[in-house]
Amino acid sequence: MAVIQRVIFMAFIAATLFHVTTAIAGEATYYTVYVPSACYGFQNQGTMIAAVNEPLWANGRNCGRSIRVRCTGRTNNGVLQPCRNGEITVRIVDRCPGCHANQIDLSQEAFSMIADTNAGRIRTEYNLV
């Protein structure tokens, strides 16, 4: 029994040393009217913001949390290579009732940092941070 307990303990230690974050594959669009927001009413929260789908909204529990977003590709034939290098971090300030699961709605300024706004919709990977 002592050997099994040691093996389990060592496996637990190893698991805590390696934190693997799995990005959520989804899509992003952008919006341009930021106030009012579901989280902050008429308080301006800047431009590095996002409205999120209902599951990610979680009845407002994720208000103020940050999301790290990266463009991974196009969703249509309009702009063949919409992605720009890098990733951005935005703050959840609103819900997007029209968004489908795994879709987020970025501010136009945030969207333009990772993709060509002419694309309108892009494939993304994102994580809560």
Protein backbone atom coordinates (compact mmCIF):
# COMPACT_ATOMS: atom_id res chain seq x y z
CA MET A 1 0.00 0.00 0.00
CA ALA A 2 2.78 2.46 0.80
CA VAL A 3 4.20 2.08 -2.73
CA ILE A 4 0.81 2.81 -4.32
CA GLN A 5 0.37 5.86 -2.11
CA ARG A 6 3.82 7.14 -3.12
CA VAL A 7 3.05 6.61 -6.80
CA ILE A 8 -0.24 8.48 -6.48
CA PHE A 9 1.47 11.27 -4.53
CA MET A 10 4.25 11.59 -7.15
CA ALA A 11 1.67 11.64 -9.96
CA PHE A 12 -0.18 14.43 -8.15
CA ILE A 13 3.03 16.44 -7.75
CA ALA A 14 3.90 15.95 -11.42
CA ALA A 15 0.43 17.04 -12.50
CA THR A 16 0.69 20.27 -10.51
CA LEU A 17 4.06 21.10 -12.06
CA PHE A 18 2.71 21.02 -15.60
CA HIS A 19 -0.23 23.30 -16.24
CA VAL A 20 -1.58 22.81 -19.73
CA THR A 21 -4.06 25.40 -20.90
CA THR A 22 -6.33 24.30 -23.68
CA ALA A 23 -7.47 27.10 -25.90
CA ILE A 24 -11.10 27.24 -26.98
CA ALA A 25 -11.49 27.19 -30.75
CA GLY A 26 -14.13 29.64 -31.85
CA GLU A 27 -14.93 32.69 -33.89
CA ALA A 28 -14.83 36.41 -33.30
CA THR A 29 -16.71 39.34 -34.73
CA TYR A 30 -16.56 42.98 -33.65
CA TYR A 31 -18.89 45.68 -32.41
CA THR A 32 -18.65 49.46 -32.11
CA VAL A 33 -21.08 50.66 -29.40
CA TYR A 34 -19.53 49.92 -26.01
CA VAL A 35 -21.80 51.74 -23.57
CA PRO A 36 -23.99 50.69 -21.93
CA SER A 37 -22.67 47.24 -21.12
CA ALA A 38 -24.27 44.43 -19.17
CA CYS A 39 -21.45 44.42 -16.62
CA TYR A 40 -20.77 48.11 -16.08
CA GLY A 41 -23.83 50.03 -17.30
CA PHE A 42 -22.78 53.46 -18.52
CA GLN A 43 -19.21 53.33 -17.15
CA ASN A 44 -16.64 53.49 -19.94
CA GLN A 45 -14.31 50.47 -19.81
CA GLY A 46 -11.99 51.52 -22.63
CA THR A 47 -11.60 49.77 -25.95
CA MET A 48 -9.78 46.52 -25.18
CA ILE A 49 -13.06 44.82 -24.34
CA ALA A 50 -15.35 41.99 -25.38
CA ALA A 51 -18.93 40.78 -25.24
CA VAL A 52 -19.15 37.02 -24.80
CA ASN A 53 -21.54 34.18 -25.57
CA GLU A 54 -24.07 33.05 -22.97
CA PRO A 55 -22.06 30.07 -21.58
CA LEU A 56 -18.94 32.22 -21.16
CA TRP A 57 -21.06 35.06 -19.79
CA ALA A 58 -22.16 32.67 -17.02
CA ASN A 59 -24.90 34.99 -15.75
CA GLY A 60 -22.35 37.75 -15.25
CA ARG A 61 -19.87 35.73 -13.18
CA ASN A 62 -17.11 36.42 -15.71
CA CYS A 63 -17.58 40.20 -15.75
CA GLY A 64 -14.17 41.82 -15.49
CA ARG A 65 -12.23 38.67 -16.32
CA SER A 66 -9.72 38.76 -19.12
CA ILE A 67 -9.58 36.68 -22.27
CA ARG A 68 -6.44 36.10 -24.32
CA VAL A 69 -7.42 35.91 -28.02
CA ARG A 70 -5.48 34.89 -31.12
CA CYS A 71 -6.66 34.88 -34.74
CA THR A 72 -6.21 31.48 -36.40
CA GLY A 73 -7.79 31.95 -39.82
CA ARG A 74 -10.57 33.07 -42.07
CA THR A 75 -14.22 32.10 -42.03
CA ASN A 76 -15.08 33.25 -45.55
CA ASN A 77 -13.52 34.00 -48.92
CA GLY A 78 -13.69 37.78 -48.53
CA VAL A 79 -10.27 38.28 -46.93
CA LEU A 80 -8.00 35.33 -47.60
CA GLN A 81 -5.45 36.07 -44.89
CA PRO A 82 -7.15 38.20 -42.24
CA CYS A 83 -4.86 37.39 -39.31
CA ARG A 84 -2.19 39.67 -37.97
CA ASN A 85 0.56 38.32 -35.77
CA GLY A 86 0.20 38.09 -32.05
CA GLU A 87 -2.53 37.90 -29.52
CA ILE A 88 -4.46 40.37 -27.44
CA THR A 89 -5.95 40.40 -23.98
CA VAL A 90 -9.40 41.91 -23.57
CA ARG A 91 -11.72 42.37 -20.63
CA ILE A 92 -15.23 40.91 -20.52
CA VAL A 93 -17.66 43.82 -20.14
CA ASP A 94 -20.79 42.62 -21.87
CA ARG A 95 -22.80 39.63 -22.98
CA CYS A 96 -23.55 38.81 -26.58
CA PRO A 97 -26.99 37.21 -26.71
CA GLY A 98 -26.72 36.79 -30.50
CA CYS A 99 -23.39 34.97 -30.33
CA HIS A 100 -23.32 31.22 -30.74
CA ALA A 101 -21.30 28.95 -28.45
CA ASN A 102 -17.57 29.72 -28.62
CA GLN A 103 -18.15 33.03 -30.39
CA ILE A 104 -16.94 36.28 -28.89
CA ASP A 105 -17.59 39.84 -29.99
CA LEU A 106 -14.52 42.05 -29.71
CA SER A 107 -14.41 45.82 -29.75
CA GLN A 108 -13.45 47.06 -33.20
CA GLU A 109 -10.12 48.31 -31.83
CA ALA A 110 -9.27 44.92 -30.31
CA PHE A 111 -10.35 43.02 -33.44
CA SER A 112 -8.20 45.27 -35.64
CA MET A 113 -5.11 44.42 -33.59
CA ILE A 114 -5.32 40.72 -34.53
CA ALA A 115 -7.17 40.80 -37.86
CA ASP A 116 -8.28 42.86 -40.82
CA THR A 117 -11.68 44.34 -39.95
CA ASN A 118 -12.78 43.84 -43.57
CA ALA A 119 -13.01 40.13 -42.75
CA GLY A 120 -15.84 40.82 -40.30
CA ARG A 121 -15.58 37.34 -38.75
CA ILE A 122 -12.46 35.27 -38.02
CA ARG A 123 -11.52 31.94 -36.51
CA THR A 124 -9.88 32.28 -33.11
CA GLU A 125 -8.46 30.52 -30.13
CA TYR A 126 -9.07 32.06 -26.74
CA ASN A 127 -8.60 31.37 -23.04
CA LEU A 128 -9.83 32.95 -19.86
CA VAL A 129 -6.83 34.30 -17.97
